[in-house]
Amino acid sequence: MPPLVVLTRSTPSAANSGFTYVPWMLSVNFHGFYEYAARGRFQGQSFGLNIAKMF
């Protein structure tokens, strides 16, 4: 049986931003991306916010 070939293609656009405040040992990062012209996969956008505090 021949192997299954899946053709996928995606064209993303992304942005990332972060902030670190050393005296509080705090870090905040934000990222977002949008996949457009996707073929063989989902198309859309995603956002993420990460907050880290060291104790």
PDB file of N, CA and C in Angstrom:
ATOM      1  N   MET A   1       0.844  -1.170   0.000  1.00  0.00           N
ATOM      2  CA  MET A   1       0.000   0.000   0.000  1.00  0.00           C
ATOM      3  C   MET A   1       0.898   1.245   0.000  1.00  0.00           C
ATOM      4  N   PRO A   2       0.670   2.212  -0.891  1.00  0.00           N
ATOM      5  CA  PRO A   2       1.516   3.410  -0.930  1.00  0.00           C
ATOM      6  C   PRO A   2       1.253   4.305   0.280  1.00  0.00           C
ATOM      7  N   PRO A   3       2.254   5.088   0.689  1.00  0.00           N
ATOM      8  CA  PRO A   3       2.056   5.977   1.843  1.00  0.00           C
ATOM      9  C   PRO A   3       1.058   7.087   1.518  1.00  0.00           C
ATOM     10  N   LEU A   4       0.367   7.520   2.541  1.00  0.00           N
ATOM     11  CA  LEU A   4      -0.606   8.598   2.411  1.00  0.00           C
ATOM     12  C   LEU A   4       0.130   9.930   2.388  1.00  0.00           C
ATOM     13  N   VAL A   5      -0.128  10.734   1.374  1.00  0.00           N
ATOM     14  CA  VAL A   5       0.526  12.034   1.240  1.00  0.00           C
ATOM     15  C   VAL A   5      -0.497  13.123   1.572  1.00  0.00           C
ATOM     16  N   VAL A   6      -0.140  13.966   2.521  1.00  0.00           N
ATOM     17  CA  VAL A   6      -1.013  15.062   2.917  1.00  0.00           C
ATOM     18  C   VAL A   6      -0.320  16.364   2.533  1.00  0.00           C
ATOM     19  N   LEU A   7      -0.985  17.131   1.707  1.00  0.00           N
ATOM     20  CA  LEU A   7      -0.426  18.400   1.267  1.00  0.00           C
ATOM     21  C   LEU A   7      -1.029  19.521   2.106  1.00  0.00           C
ATOM     22  N   THR A   8      -0.187  20.145   2.911  1.00  0.00           N
ATOM     23  CA  THR A   8      -0.653  21.277   3.719  1.00  0.00           C
ATOM     24  C   THR A   8       0.223  22.472   3.429  1.00  0.00           C
ATOM     25  N   ARG A   9      -0.378  23.623   3.533  1.00  0.00           N
ATOM     26  CA  ARG A   9       0.362  24.865   3.336  1.00  0.00           C
ATOM     27  C   ARG A   9      -0.301  25.929   4.189  1.00  0.00           C
ATOM     28  N   SER A  10       0.520  26.780   4.774  1.00  0.00           N
ATOM     29  CA  SER A  10      -0.003  27.831   5.620  1.00  0.00           C
ATOM     30  C   SER A  10       0.872  29.056   5.483  1.00  0.00           C
ATOM     31  N   THR A  11       0.255  30.222   5.469  1.00  0.00           N
ATOM     32  CA  THR A  11       0.987  31.484   5.409  1.00  0.00           C
ATOM     33  C   THR A  11       0.607  32.285   6.647  1.00  0.00           C
ATOM     34  N   PRO A  12       1.519  32.353   7.653  1.00  0.00           N
ATOM     35  CA  PRO A  12       1.167  33.051   8.892  1.00  0.00           C
ATOM     36  C   PRO A  12       1.702  34.478   8.961  1.00  0.00           C
ATOM     37  N   SER A  13       1.088  35.239   9.817  1.00  0.00           N
ATOM     38  CA  SER A  13       1.558  36.564  10.184  1.00  0.00           C
ATOM     39  C   SER A  13       1.539  36.592  11.711  1.00  0.00           C
ATOM     40  N   ALA A  14       2.642  37.048  12.348  1.00  0.00           N
ATOM     41  CA  ALA A  14       2.726  36.945  13.804  1.00  0.00           C
ATOM     42  C   ALA A  14       3.327  38.194  14.427  1.00  0.00           C
ATOM     43  N   ALA A  15       2.997  38.376  15.716  1.00  0.00           N
ATOM     44  CA  ALA A  15       3.569  39.468  16.510  1.00  0.00           C
ATOM     45  C   ALA A  15       3.818  38.956  17.924  1.00  0.00           C
ATOM     46  N   ASN A  16       4.880  39.475  18.546  1.00  0.00           N
ATOM     47  CA  ASN A  16       5.243  39.057  19.889  1.00  0.00           C
ATOM     48  C   ASN A  16       5.750  40.273  20.647  1.00  0.00           C
ATOM     49  N   SER A  17       5.352  40.404  21.909  1.00  0.00           N
ATOM     50  CA  SER A  17       5.788  41.524  22.721  1.00  0.00           C
ATOM     51  C   SER A  17       5.972  41.039  24.156  1.00  0.00           C
ATOM     52  N   GLY A  18       6.958  41.593  24.848  1.00  0.00           N
ATOM     53  CA  GLY A  18       7.201  41.160  26.214  1.00  0.00           C
ATOM     54  C   GLY A  18       7.702  42.292  27.087  1.00  0.00           C
ATOM     55  N   PHE A  19       7.526  42.102  28.393  1.00  0.00           N
ATOM     56  CA  PHE A  19       7.946  43.089  29.381  1.00  0.00           C
ATOM     57  C   PHE A  19       8.494  42.335  30.590  1.00  0.00           C
ATOM     58  N   THR A  20       9.646  42.746  31.085  1.00  0.00           N
ATOM     59  CA  THR A  20      10.243  42.147  32.273  1.00  0.00           C
ATOM     60  C   THR A  20      10.595  43.255  33.254  1.00  0.00           C
ATOM     61  N   TYR A  21      10.170  43.066  34.513  1.00  0.00           N
ATOM     62  CA  TYR A  21      10.487  44.019  35.563  1.00  0.00           C
ATOM     63  C   TYR A  21      11.289  43.267  36.628  1.00  0.00           C
ATOM     64  N   VAL A  22      12.595  43.499  36.640  1.00  0.00           N
ATOM     65  CA  VAL A  22      13.515  42.721  37.470  1.00  0.00           C
ATOM     66  C   VAL A  22      13.300  42.920  38.971  1.00  0.00           C
ATOM     67  N   PRO A  23      13.088  44.149  39.495  1.00  0.00           N
ATOM     68  CA  PRO A  23      12.906  44.268  40.954  1.00  0.00           C
ATOM     69  C   PRO A  23      11.743  43.425  41.499  1.00  0.00           C
ATOM     70  N   TRP A  24      10.690  43.234  40.742  1.00  0.00           N
ATOM     71  CA  TRP A  24       9.566  42.399  41.169  1.00  0.00           C
ATOM     72  C   TRP A  24       9.707  40.956  40.696  1.00  0.00           C
ATOM     73  N   MET A  25      10.734  40.667  39.880  1.00  0.00           N
ATOM     74  CA  MET A  25      10.935  39.352  39.267  1.00  0.00           C
ATOM     75  C   MET A  25       9.649  38.915  38.546  1.00  0.00           C
ATOM     76  N   LEU A  26       9.170  39.808  37.675  1.00  0.00           N
ATOM     77  CA  LEU A  26       7.910  39.619  36.962  1.00  0.00           C
ATOM     78  C   LEU A  26       8.151  39.706  35.458  1.00  0.00           C
ATOM     79  N   SER A  27       7.513  38.821  34.714  1.00  0.00           N
ATOM     80  CA  SER A  27       7.630  38.821  33.255  1.00  0.00           C
ATOM     81  C   SER A  27       6.247  38.642  32.643  1.00  0.00           C
ATOM     82  N   VAL A  28       5.948  39.454  31.632  1.00  0.00           N
ATOM     83  CA  VAL A  28       4.671  39.379  30.920  1.00  0.00           C
ATOM     84  C   VAL A  28       4.979  39.321  29.426  1.00  0.00           C
ATOM     85  N   ASN A  29       4.434  38.340  28.737  1.00  0.00           N
ATOM     86  CA  ASN A  29       4.631  38.176  27.299  1.00  0.00           C
ATOM     87  C   ASN A  29       3.288  37.984  26.610  1.00  0.00           C
ATOM     88  N   PHE A  30       3.160  38.582  25.442  1.00  0.00           N
ATOM     89  CA  PHE A  30       1.955  38.457  24.629  1.00  0.00           C
ATOM     90  C   PHE A  30       2.361  38.041  23.223  1.00  0.00           C
ATOM     91  N   HIS A  31       1.638  37.107  22.648  1.00  0.00           N
ATOM     92  CA  HIS A  31       1.887  36.740  21.257  1.00  0.00           C
ATOM     93  C   HIS A  31       0.554  36.480  20.563  1.00  0.00           C
ATOM     94  N   GLY A  32       0.554  36.754  19.289  1.00  0.00           N
ATOM     95  CA  GLY A  32      -0.622  36.515  18.475  1.00  0.00           C
ATOM     96  C   GLY A  32      -0.215  36.197  17.051  1.00  0.00           C
ATOM     97  N   PHE A  33      -0.968  35.325  16.418  1.00  0.00           N
ATOM     98  CA  PHE A  33      -0.692  35.045  15.017  1.00  0.00           C
ATOM     99  C   PHE A  33      -1.987  34.755  14.276  1.00  0.00           C
ATOM    100  N   TYR A  34      -1.909  34.932  12.982  1.00  0.00           N
ATOM    101  CA  TYR A  34      -3.046  34.704  12.103  1.00  0.00           C
ATOM    102  C   TYR A  34      -2.565  33.894  10.910  1.00  0.00           C
ATOM    103  N   GLU A  35      -3.181  32.766  10.687  1.00  0.00           N
ATOM    104  CA  GLU A  35      -2.845  31.941   9.531  1.00  0.00           C
ATOM    105  C   GLU A  35      -3.872  32.194   8.444  1.00  0.00           C
ATOM    106  N   TYR A  36      -3.396  32.679   7.322  1.00  0.00           N
ATOM    107  CA  TYR A  36      -4.283  32.929   6.188  1.00  0.00           C
ATOM    108  C   TYR A  36      -3.777  32.117   5.007  1.00  0.00           C
ATOM    109  N   ALA A  37      -4.587  31.946   4.047  1.00  0.00           N
ATOM    110  CA  ALA A  37      -4.271  31.142   2.857  1.00  0.00           C
ATOM    111  C   ALA A  37      -3.848  29.736   3.249  1.00  0.00           C
ATOM    112  N   ALA A  38      -4.492  29.178   4.279  1.00  0.00           N
ATOM    113  CA  ALA A  38      -4.176  27.821   4.722  1.00  0.00           C
ATOM    114  C   ALA A  38      -4.880  26.811   3.820  1.00  0.00           C
ATOM    115  N   ARG A  39      -4.170  25.754   3.508  1.00  0.00           N
ATOM    116  CA  ARG A  39      -4.737  24.685   2.691  1.00  0.00           C
ATOM    117  C   ARG A  39      -4.467  23.359   3.405  1.00  0.00           C
ATOM    118  N   GLY A  40      -5.492  22.584   3.652  1.00  0.00           N
ATOM    119  CA  GLY A  40      -5.336  21.291   4.298  1.00  0.00           C
ATOM    120  C   GLY A  40      -5.221  21.386   5.813  1.00  0.00           C
ATOM    121  N   ARG A  41      -5.517  22.531   6.408  1.00  0.00           N
ATOM    122  CA  ARG A  41      -5.509  22.718   7.864  1.00  0.00           C
ATOM    123  C   ARG A  41      -6.417  23.878   8.208  1.00  0.00           C
ATOM    124  N   PHE A  42      -6.654  24.057   9.492  1.00  0.00           N
ATOM    125  CA  PHE A  42      -7.533  25.148   9.917  1.00  0.00           C
ATOM    126  C   PHE A  42      -6.880  26.498   9.679  1.00  0.00           C
ATOM    127  N   GLN A  43      -7.703  27.463   9.427  1.00  0.00           N
ATOM    128  CA  GLN A  43      -7.257  28.829   9.191  1.00  0.00           C
ATOM    129  C   GLN A  43      -7.871  29.699  10.274  1.00  0.00           C
ATOM    130  N   GLY A  44      -7.101  30.646  10.800  1.00  0.00           N
ATOM    131  CA  GLY A  44      -7.659  31.516  11.825  1.00  0.00           C
ATOM    132  C   GLY A  44      -6.587  32.203  12.639  1.00  0.00           C
ATOM    133  N   GLN A  45      -6.976  32.672  13.812  1.00  0.00           N
ATOM    134  CA  GLN A  45      -6.067  33.449  14.637  1.00  0.00           C
ATOM    135  C   GLN A  45      -5.963  32.849  16.031  1.00  0.00           C
ATOM    136  N   SER A  46      -4.879  33.188  16.709  1.00  0.00           N
ATOM    137  CA  SER A  46      -4.640  32.706  18.058  1.00  0.00           C
ATOM    138  C   SER A  46      -3.889  33.772  18.832  1.00  0.00           C
ATOM    139  N   PHE A  47      -4.231  33.908  20.108  1.00  0.00           N
ATOM    140  CA  PHE A  47      -3.571  34.868  20.978  1.00  0.00           C
ATOM    141  C   PHE A  47      -3.148  34.154  22.254  1.00  0.00           C
ATOM    142  N   GLY A  48      -2.055  34.621  22.836  1.00  0.00           N
ATOM    143  CA  GLY A  48      -1.594  34.037  24.087  1.00  0.00           C
ATOM    144  C   GLY A  48      -1.005  35.107  24.989  1.00  0.00           C
ATOM    145  N   LEU A  49      -1.248  34.973  26.291  1.00  0.00           N
ATOM    146  CA  LEU A  49      -0.702  35.885  27.284  1.00  0.00           C
ATOM    147  C   LEU A  49      -0.081  35.044  28.384  1.00  0.00           C
ATOM    148  N   ASN A  50       1.212  35.231  28.622  1.00  0.00           N
ATOM    149  CA  ASN A  50       1.927  34.501  29.657  1.00  0.00           C
ATOM    150  C   ASN A  50       2.394  35.481  30.722  1.00  0.00           C
ATOM    151  N   ILE A  51       2.136  35.145  31.979  1.00  0.00           N
ATOM    152  CA  ILE A  51       2.594  35.955  33.111  1.00  0.00           C
ATOM    153  C   ILE A  51       3.371  35.040  34.046  1.00  0.00           C
ATOM    154  N   ALA A  52       4.590  35.456  34.395  1.00  0.00           N
ATOM    155  CA  ALA A  52       5.425  34.651  35.290  1.00  0.00           C
ATOM    156  C   ALA A  52       5.935  35.539  36.418  1.00  0.00           C
ATOM    157  N   LYS A  53       5.796  35.050  37.658  1.00  0.00           N
ATOM    158  CA  LYS A  53       6.266  35.760  38.842  1.00  0.00           C
ATOM    159  C   LYS A  53       7.091  34.796  39.676  1.00  0.00           C
ATOM    160  N   MET A  54       8.313  35.194  39.986  1.00  0.00           N
ATOM    161  CA  MET A  54       9.189  34.346  40.790  1.00  0.00           C
ATOM    162  C   MET A  54       9.023  34.704  42.264  1.00  0.00           C
ATOM    163  N   PHE A  55       8.839  33.691  43.119  1.00  0.00           N
ATOM    164  CA  PHE A  55       8.682  33.909  44.551  1.00  0.00           C
ATOM    165  C   PHE A  55       9.932  33.496  45.298  1.00  0.00           C
TER     166      PHE A  55
END
